PDB file of N, CA and C in Angstrom:
ATOM      1  N   UNK A   1     105.175 110.769 111.222  1.00  0.00           N
ATOM      2  CA  UNK A   1     105.828 109.297 111.897  1.00  0.00           C
ATOM      3  C   UNK A   1     104.527 108.164 112.151  1.00  0.00           C
ATOM      4  N   UNK A   2     102.952 108.564 111.866  1.00  0.00           N
ATOM      5  CA  UNK A   2     102.175 107.654 111.898  1.00  0.00           C
ATOM      6  C   UNK A   2     102.446 107.229 110.261  1.00  0.00           C
ATOM      7  N   UNK A   3     102.521 107.513 109.309  1.00  0.00           N
ATOM      8  CA  UNK A   3     102.705 107.225 108.040  1.00  0.00           C
ATOM      9  C   UNK A   3     104.078 105.943 108.201  1.00  0.00           C
ATOM     10  N   UNK A   4     104.928 106.574 108.955  1.00  0.00           N
ATOM     11  CA  UNK A   4     106.502 105.797 109.023  1.00  0.00           C
ATOM     12  C   UNK A   4     105.974 104.380 109.840  1.00  0.00           C
ATOM     13  N   UNK A   5     105.408 104.319 110.636  1.00  0.00           N
ATOM     14  CA  UNK A   5     104.704 103.184 111.763  1.00  0.00           C
ATOM     15  C   UNK A   5     103.857 102.538 110.533  1.00  0.00           C
ATOM     16  N   UNK A   6     102.487 103.287 110.005  1.00  0.00           N
ATOM     17  CA  UNK A   6     102.316 102.008 108.868  1.00  0.00           C
ATOM     18  C   UNK A   6     102.729 101.166 108.208  1.00  0.00           C
ATOM     19  N   UNK A   7     104.070 102.245 107.524  1.00  0.00           N
ATOM     20  CA  UNK A   7     104.649 101.477 106.500  1.00  0.00           C
ATOM     21  C   UNK A   7     105.384  99.973 107.130  1.00  0.00           C
ATOM     22  N   UNK A   8     106.269 100.434 108.329  1.00  0.00           N
ATOM     23  CA  UNK A   8     107.141  99.241 108.577  1.00  0.00           C
ATOM     24  C   UNK A   8     105.972  98.422 109.011  1.00  0.00           C
ATOM     25  N   UNK A   9     104.866  98.330 109.749  1.00  0.00           N
ATOM     26  CA  UNK A   9     103.843  97.112 110.032  1.00  0.00           C
ATOM     27  C   UNK A   9     103.591  96.603 108.813  1.00  0.00           C
ATOM     28  N   UNK A  10     103.191  97.538 107.462  1.00  0.00           N
ATOM     29  CA  UNK A  10     102.835  96.848 106.291  1.00  0.00           C
ATOM     30  C   UNK A  10     103.826  95.997 105.762  1.00  0.00           C
ATOM     31  N   UNK A  11     105.224  96.530 105.964  1.00  0.00           N
ATOM     32  CA  UNK A  11     106.078  95.753 105.335  1.00  0.00           C
ATOM     33  C   UNK A  11     106.430  94.432 106.278  1.00  0.00           C
ATOM     34  N   UNK A  12     106.048  94.545 107.650  1.00  0.00           N
ATOM     35  CA  UNK A  12     106.138  93.455 108.418  1.00  0.00           C
ATOM     36  C   UNK A  12     105.050  92.186 108.000  1.00  0.00           C
ATOM     37  N   UNK A  13     103.988  92.420 107.547  1.00  0.00           N
ATOM     38  CA  UNK A  13     102.769  91.564 107.151  1.00  0.00           C
ATOM     39  C   UNK A  13     102.687  91.125 105.547  1.00  0.00           C
ATOM     40  N   UNK A  14     103.801  91.589 105.427  1.00  0.00           N
ATOM     41  CA  UNK A  14     104.083  91.632 103.686  1.00  0.00           C
ATOM     42  C   UNK A  14     102.986  92.194 102.821  1.00  0.00           C
ATOM     43  N   UNK A  15     102.677  93.569 103.182  1.00  0.00           N
ATOM     44  CA  UNK A  15     101.795  94.049 102.300  1.00  0.00           C
ATOM     45  C   UNK A  15     102.576  95.365 101.571  1.00  0.00           C
ATOM     46  N   UNK A  16     103.522  95.675 101.885  1.00  0.00           N
ATOM     47  CA  UNK A  16     104.068  96.408 100.828  1.00  0.00           C
ATOM     48  C   UNK A  16     104.798  95.969  99.440  1.00  0.00           C
ATOM     49  N   UNK A  17     104.916  97.022  98.731  1.00  0.00           N
ATOM     50  CA  UNK A  17     105.449  96.337  97.749  1.00  0.00           C
ATOM     51  C   UNK A  17     105.987  97.549  96.865  1.00  0.00           C
ATOM     52  N   UNK A  18     106.400  97.833  95.727  1.00  0.00           N
ATOM     53  CA  UNK A  18     107.273  98.423  95.310  1.00  0.00           C
ATOM     54  C   UNK A  18     106.150  99.019  94.077  1.00  0.00           C
ATOM     55  N   UNK A  19     106.409 100.165  93.423  1.00  0.00           N
ATOM     56  CA  UNK A  19     105.479 100.715  92.401  1.00  0.00           C
ATOM     57  C   UNK A  19     105.757  99.679  91.397  1.00  0.00           C
ATOM     58  N   UNK A  20     106.456  99.297  90.774  1.00  0.00           N
ATOM     59  CA  UNK A  20     106.663  98.493  89.977  1.00  0.00           C
ATOM     60  C   UNK A  20     105.789  97.160  90.400  1.00  0.00           C
ATOM     61  N   UNK A  21     105.890  96.445  91.644  1.00  0.00           N
ATOM     62  CA  UNK A  21     105.216  95.184  91.855  1.00  0.00           C
ATOM     63  C   UNK A  21     103.636  95.708  91.816  1.00  0.00           C
ATOM     64  N   UNK A  22     103.427  97.098  92.367  1.00  0.00           N
ATOM     65  CA  UNK A  22     101.860  97.211  92.530  1.00  0.00           C
ATOM     66  C   UNK A  22     101.470  97.361  91.275  1.00  0.00           C
ATOM     67  N   UNK A  23     102.153  98.232  90.155  1.00  0.00           N
ATOM     68  CA  UNK A  23     101.567  97.855  88.715  1.00  0.00           C
ATOM     69  C   UNK A  23     101.326  96.360  88.408  1.00  0.00           C
ATOM     70  N   UNK A  24     102.198  95.595  88.556  1.00  0.00           N
ATOM     71  CA  UNK A  24     102.202  94.575  88.106  1.00  0.00           C
ATOM     72  C   UNK A  24     101.193  93.811  88.537  1.00  0.00           C
ATOM     73  N   UNK A  25     100.554  93.772  89.851  1.00  0.00           N
ATOM     74  CA  UNK A  25      99.653  93.365  90.750  1.00  0.00           C
ATOM     75  C   UNK A  25      98.362  93.859  90.620  1.00  0.00           C
ATOM     76  N   UNK A  26      98.365  94.939  90.000  1.00  0.00           N
ATOM     77  CA  UNK A  26      96.752  95.792  89.999  1.00  0.00           C
ATOM     78  C   UNK A  26      96.261  94.671  89.415  1.00  0.00           C
ATOM     79  N   UNK A  27      94.834  94.780  89.939  1.00  0.00           N
ATOM     80  CA  UNK A  27      93.612  93.605  89.448  1.00  0.00           C
ATOM     81  C   UNK A  27      94.143  92.745  90.003  1.00  0.00           C
ATOM     82  N   UNK A  28      94.704  92.226  90.490  1.00  0.00           N
ATOM     83  CA  UNK A  28      94.941  90.947  91.135  1.00  0.00           C
ATOM     84  C   UNK A  28      95.066  90.494  92.099  1.00  0.00           C
ATOM     85  N   UNK A  29      95.846  91.452  93.154  1.00  0.00           N
ATOM     86  CA  UNK A  29      95.633  91.486  94.402  1.00  0.00           C
ATOM     87  C   UNK A  29      95.623  92.740  95.040  1.00  0.00           C
ATOM     88  N   UNK A  30      94.561  92.534  96.215  1.00  0.00           N
ATOM     89  CA  UNK A  30      94.181  94.029  96.719  1.00  0.00           C
ATOM     90  C   UNK A  30      94.289  94.576  97.916  1.00  0.00           C
ATOM     91  N   UNK A  31      95.177  94.031  98.491  1.00  0.00           N
ATOM     92  CA  UNK A  31      95.173  93.840  99.827  1.00  0.00           C
ATOM     93  C   UNK A  31      97.030  94.355  99.602  1.00  0.00           C
ATOM     94  N   UNK A  32      97.404  95.038  98.779  1.00  0.00           N
ATOM     95  CA  UNK A  32      98.568  95.688  99.012  1.00  0.00           C
ATOM     96  C   UNK A  32      98.806  97.601  98.942  1.00  0.00           C
ATOM     97  N   UNK A  33     100.130  97.705  99.399  1.00  0.00           N
ATOM     98  CA  UNK A  33     100.166  99.303  99.577  1.00  0.00           C
ATOM     99  C   UNK A  33     101.374  99.297  98.973  1.00  0.00           C
ATOM    100  N   UNK A  34     101.315 100.856  98.567  1.00  0.00           N
ATOM    101  CA  UNK A  34     102.959 101.480  97.994  1.00  0.00           C
ATOM    102  C   UNK A  34     103.131 102.269  98.884  1.00  0.00           C
ATOM    103  N   UNK A  35     104.268 102.941  98.732  1.00  0.00           N
ATOM    104  CA  UNK A  35     104.511 104.571  99.802  1.00  0.00           C
ATOM    105  C   UNK A  35     103.538 105.476  99.092  1.00  0.00           C
ATOM    106  N   UNK A  36     103.345 105.607  97.866  1.00  0.00           N
ATOM    107  CA  UNK A  36     102.106 106.522  97.468  1.00  0.00           C
ATOM    108  C   UNK A  36     100.685 106.198  98.041  1.00  0.00           C
ATOM    109  N   UNK A  37     100.399 105.014  98.494  1.00  0.00           N
ATOM    110  CA  UNK A  37      99.155 104.469  98.530  1.00  0.00           C
ATOM    111  C   UNK A  37      99.127 105.201 100.091  1.00  0.00           C
ATOM    112  N   UNK A  38      99.951 104.964 100.892  1.00  0.00           N
ATOM    113  CA  UNK A  38     100.366 105.221 102.134  1.00  0.00           C
ATOM    114  C   UNK A  38     100.160 106.739 102.676  1.00  0.00           C
ATOM    115  N   UNK A  39     101.072 107.515 102.217  1.00  0.00           N
ATOM    116  CA  UNK A  39     101.309 108.748 101.806  1.00  0.00           C
ATOM    117  C   UNK A  39      99.968 109.492 101.627  1.00  0.00           C
ATOM    118  N   UNK A  40      99.521 109.180 100.464  1.00  0.00           N
ATOM    119  CA  UNK A  40      98.192 109.960  99.971  1.00  0.00           C
ATOM    120  C   UNK A  40      96.864 110.014 100.982  1.00  0.00           C
ATOM    121  N   UNK A  41      96.707 108.571 101.659  1.00  0.00           N
ATOM    122  CA  UNK A  41      95.645 108.158 102.753  1.00  0.00           C
ATOM    123  C   UNK A  41      95.739 108.970 103.710  1.00  0.00           C
ATOM    124  N   UNK A  42      97.270 109.141 104.168  1.00  0.00           N
ATOM    125  CA  UNK A  42      97.447 109.961 105.525  1.00  0.00           C
ATOM    126  C   UNK A  42      97.597 111.267 105.320  1.00  0.00           C
ATOM    127  N   UNK A  43      97.971 111.754 104.319  1.00  0.00           N
ATOM    128  CA  UNK A  43      98.087 112.931 103.715  1.00  0.00           C
ATOM    129  C   UNK A  43      96.611 113.726 103.810  1.00  0.00           C
ATOM    130  N   UNK A  44      95.798 113.017 103.408  1.00  0.00           N
ATOM    131  CA  UNK A  44      94.483 113.704 103.342  1.00  0.00           C
ATOM    132  C   UNK A  44      93.634 113.400 104.403  1.00  0.00           C
ATOM    133  N   UNK A  45      93.797 112.521 105.103  1.00  0.00           N
ATOM    134  CA  UNK A  45      93.196 112.307 106.631  1.00  0.00           C
ATOM    135  C   UNK A  45      93.694 113.352 107.329  1.00  0.00           C
ATOM    136  N   UNK A  46      94.597 113.917 107.292  1.00  0.00           N
ATOM    137  CA  UNK A  46      94.918 115.114 108.204  1.00  0.00           C
ATOM    138  C   UNK A  46      95.342 116.287 107.354  1.00  0.00           C
ATOM    139  N   UNK A  47      95.163 116.444 106.176  1.00  0.00           N
ATOM    140  CA  UNK A  47      95.126 117.842 105.634  1.00  0.00           C
ATOM    141  C   UNK A  47      96.491 118.265 105.505  1.00  0.00           C
ATOM    142  N   UNK A  48      97.323 117.152 104.854  1.00  0.00           N
ATOM    143  CA  UNK A  48      99.368 117.101 105.095  1.00  0.00           C
ATOM    144  C   UNK A  48      99.206 116.967 103.495  1.00  0.00           C
ATOM    145  N   UNK A  49     100.338 117.501 102.873  1.00  0.00           N
ATOM    146  CA  UNK A  49     100.813 117.188 101.653  1.00  0.00           C
ATOM    147  C   UNK A  49     100.996 115.717 101.499  1.00  0.00           C
ATOM    148  N   UNK A  50     100.397 114.806 100.895  1.00  0.00           N
ATOM    149  CA  UNK A  50     101.166 113.561 100.496  1.00  0.00           C
ATOM    150  C   UNK A  50     102.442 113.746  99.685  1.00  0.00           C
ATOM    151  N   UNK A  51     102.531 114.536  99.282  1.00  0.00           N
ATOM    152  CA  UNK A  51     103.981 114.458  98.389  1.00  0.00           C
ATOM    153  C   UNK A  51     104.830 114.953  99.647  1.00  0.00           C
ATOM    154  N   UNK A  52     104.832 115.628 100.701  1.00  0.00           N
ATOM    155  CA  UNK A  52     106.328 115.617 101.426  1.00  0.00           C
ATOM    156  C   UNK A  52     106.020 114.514 102.254  1.00  0.00           C
ATOM    157  N   UNK A  53     105.010 113.779 102.448  1.00  0.00           N
ATOM    158  CA  UNK A  53     105.066 112.096 103.247  1.00  0.00           C
ATOM    159  C   UNK A  53     105.801 111.341 102.547  1.00  0.00           C
ATOM    160  N   UNK A  54     105.221 111.412 101.092  1.00  0.00           N
ATOM    161  CA  UNK A  54     105.659 110.383 100.064  1.00  0.00           C
ATOM    162  C   UNK A  54     107.848 110.357  99.982  1.00  0.00           C
ATOM    163  N   UNK A  55     108.018 111.725 100.001  1.00  0.00           N
ATOM    164  CA  UNK A  55     109.312 112.125  99.968  1.00  0.00           C
ATOM    165  C   UNK A  55     110.151 111.613 101.494  1.00  0.00           C
ATOM    166  N   UNK A  56     109.362 112.066 102.327  1.00  0.00           N
ATOM    167  CA  UNK A  56     109.983 111.432 103.893  1.00  0.00           C
ATOM    168  C   UNK A  56     110.256 109.779 103.484  1.00  0.00           C
ATOM    169  N   UNK A  57     108.938 109.105 103.287  1.00  0.00           N
ATOM    170  CA  UNK A  57     108.992 107.638 103.379  1.00  0.00           C
ATOM    171  C   UNK A  57     110.179 107.053 102.173  1.00  0.00           C
ATOM    172  N   UNK A  58     109.805 107.965 101.408  1.00  0.00           N
ATOM    173  CA  UNK A  58     110.942 107.570 100.638  1.00  0.00           C
ATOM    174  C   UNK A  58     112.428 107.201 100.918  1.00  0.00           C
ATOM    175  N   UNK A  59     112.939 107.889 101.629  1.00  0.00           N
ATOM    176  CA  UNK A  59     114.085 108.381 102.371  1.00  0.00           C
ATOM    177  C   UNK A  59     114.118 106.858 103.477  1.00  0.00           C
ATOM    178  N   UNK A  60     113.181 106.947 104.308  1.00  0.00           N
ATOM    179  CA  UNK A  60     113.052 106.059 105.224  1.00  0.00           C
ATOM    180  C   UNK A  60     113.229 104.661 104.395  1.00  0.00           C
ATOM    181  N   UNK A  61     112.276 104.371 103.405  1.00  0.00           N
ATOM    182  CA  UNK A  61     111.900 102.940 103.133  1.00  0.00           C
ATOM    183  C   UNK A  61     112.589 102.994 101.868  1.00  0.00           C
ATOM    184  N   UNK A  62     113.863 102.970 101.391  1.00  0.00           N
ATOM    185  CA  UNK A  62     114.205 103.046  99.877  1.00  0.00           C
ATOM    186  C   UNK A  62     113.782 101.631  99.001  1.00  0.00           C
ATOM    187  N   UNK A  63     113.600 100.753  99.843  1.00  0.00           N
ATOM    188  CA  UNK A  63     113.374  99.637  99.239  1.00  0.00           C
ATOM    189  C   UNK A  63     112.072  99.530  98.506  1.00  0.00           C
ATOM    190  N   UNK A  64     111.324 100.092  99.010  1.00  0.00           N
ATOM    191  CA  UNK A  64     109.949 100.596  98.519  1.00  0.00           C
ATOM    192  C   UNK A  64     109.696 101.621  97.543  1.00  0.00           C
ATOM    193  N   UNK A  65     111.249 102.330  97.111  1.00  0.00           N
ATOM    194  CA  UNK A  65     110.473 103.420  96.394  1.00  0.00           C
ATOM    195  C   UNK A  65     110.887 103.335  94.935  1.00  0.00           C
ATOM    196  N   UNK A  66     110.267 104.281  94.406  1.00  0.00           N
ATOM    197  CA  UNK A  66     110.521 104.733  93.188  1.00  0.00           C
ATOM    198  C   UNK A  66     111.689 104.600  92.634  1.00  0.00           C
ATOM    199  N   UNK A  67     112.974 105.142  93.168  1.00  0.00           N
ATOM    200  CA  UNK A  67     114.237 105.385  92.901  1.00  0.00           C
ATOM    201  C   UNK A  67     114.562 104.188  93.071  1.00  0.00           C
ATOM    202  N   UNK A  68     114.217 103.115  93.875  1.00  0.00           N
ATOM    203  CA  UNK A  68     115.239 102.133  93.867  1.00  0.00           C
ATOM    204  C   UNK A  68     115.163 101.185  92.860  1.00  0.00           C
ATOM    205  N   UNK A  69     116.300 101.041  91.973  1.00  0.00           N
ATOM    206  CA  UNK A  69     116.819 100.624  91.102  1.00  0.00           C
ATOM    207  C   UNK A  69     115.945 101.337  89.671  1.00  0.00           C
ATOM    208  N   UNK A  70     115.444 100.500  88.672  1.00  0.00           N
ATOM    209  CA  UNK A  70     114.659 101.454  87.667  1.00  0.00           C
ATOM    210  C   UNK A  70     113.450 100.620  87.734  1.00  0.00           C
ATOM    211  N   UNK A  71     112.375 101.782  87.598  1.00  0.00           N
ATOM    212  CA  UNK A  71     111.377 101.144  87.776  1.00  0.00           C
ATOM    213  C   UNK A  71     110.871 100.938  86.380  1.00  0.00           C
ATOM    214  N   UNK A  72     109.952 100.211  85.964  1.00  0.00           N
ATOM    215  CA  UNK A  72     109.352  99.980  84.529  1.00  0.00           C
ATOM    216  C   UNK A  72     107.728 100.203  84.709  1.00  0.00           C
ATOM    217  N   UNK A  73     107.194 100.897  83.483  1.00  0.00           N
ATOM    218  CA  UNK A  73     105.700 101.331  83.388  1.00  0.00           C
ATOM    219  C   UNK A  73     105.361 100.789  81.823  1.00  0.00           C
ATOM    220  N   UNK A  74     104.237 100.896  81.590  1.00  0.00           N
ATOM    221  CA  UNK A  74     103.805 100.056  80.215  1.00  0.00           C
ATOM    222  C   UNK A  74     104.717 100.660  79.456  1.00  0.00           C
ATOM    223  N   UNK A  75     104.972 101.909  79.037  1.00  0.00           N
ATOM    224  CA  UNK A  75     104.941 102.383  77.975  1.00  0.00           C
ATOM    225  C   UNK A  75     107.018 101.827  78.097  1.00  0.00           C
ATOM    226  N   UNK A  76     107.631 101.593  78.949  1.00  0.00           N
ATOM    227  CA  UNK A  76     108.931 101.198  79.121  1.00  0.00           C
ATOM    228  C   UNK A  76     108.992  99.705  78.667  1.00  0.00           C
ATOM    229  N   UNK A  77     107.984  98.779  78.812  1.00  0.00           N
ATOM    230  CA  UNK A  77     108.257  97.773  78.568  1.00  0.00           C
ATOM    231  C   UNK A  77     107.745  97.152  77.234  1.00  0.00           C
ATOM    232  N   UNK A  78     107.074  98.057  76.566  1.00  0.00           N
ATOM    233  CA  UNK A  78     106.376  97.920  75.337  1.00  0.00           C
ATOM    234  C   UNK A  78     107.104  98.672  74.248  1.00  0.00           C
ATOM    235  N   UNK A  79     107.829  99.730  74.760  1.00  0.00           N
ATOM    236  CA  UNK A  79     108.253 100.719  73.624  1.00  0.00           C
ATOM    237  C   UNK A  79     109.214 100.029  72.503  1.00  0.00           C
ATOM    238  N   UNK A  80     110.038  98.916  73.227  1.00  0.00           N
ATOM    239  CA  UNK A  80     111.022  98.368  72.343  1.00  0.00           C
ATOM    240  C   UNK A  80     110.171  97.839  70.996  1.00  0.00           C
ATOM    241  N   UNK A  81     109.122  97.373  71.336  1.00  0.00           N
ATOM    242  CA  UNK A  81     108.150  96.209  70.631  1.00  0.00           C
ATOM    243  C   UNK A  81     107.800  97.201  69.277  1.00  0.00           C
ATOM    244  N   UNK A  82     107.723  98.330  69.285  1.00  0.00           N
ATOM    245  CA  UNK A  82     107.097  99.352  68.563  1.00  0.00           C
ATOM    246  C   UNK A  82     107.899  99.854  66.753  1.00  0.00           C
ATOM    247  N   UNK A  83     107.684  99.444  65.958  1.00  0.00           N
ATOM    248  CA  UNK A  83     108.343  99.577  64.753  1.00  0.00           C
ATOM    249  C   UNK A  83     108.457 101.039  64.759  1.00  0.00           C
ATOM    250  N   UNK A  84     109.754 101.920  64.424  1.00  0.00           N
ATOM    251  CA  UNK A  84     110.072 102.777  64.090  1.00  0.00           C
ATOM    252  C   UNK A  84     110.416 103.519  62.982  1.00  0.00           C
TER     253      UNK A  84
END
């Protein structure tokens, strides 16, 4: 429940981002959080599985989930530019 409250609060103040947004903003913006960053922080603080917390948060907040649409990583973006 702590993780759910935290994500709801961070969403309200505009600090929650999707994994893709976190990737795009890495090194540029420091006051952002993803579902994984919240799950990992709370899981390690309470000696609980961050993976279990993350799966729960994905179901509660699909708009911030990696499963919401297609996510893109460095390889996805640049793989089409490589000659085969």
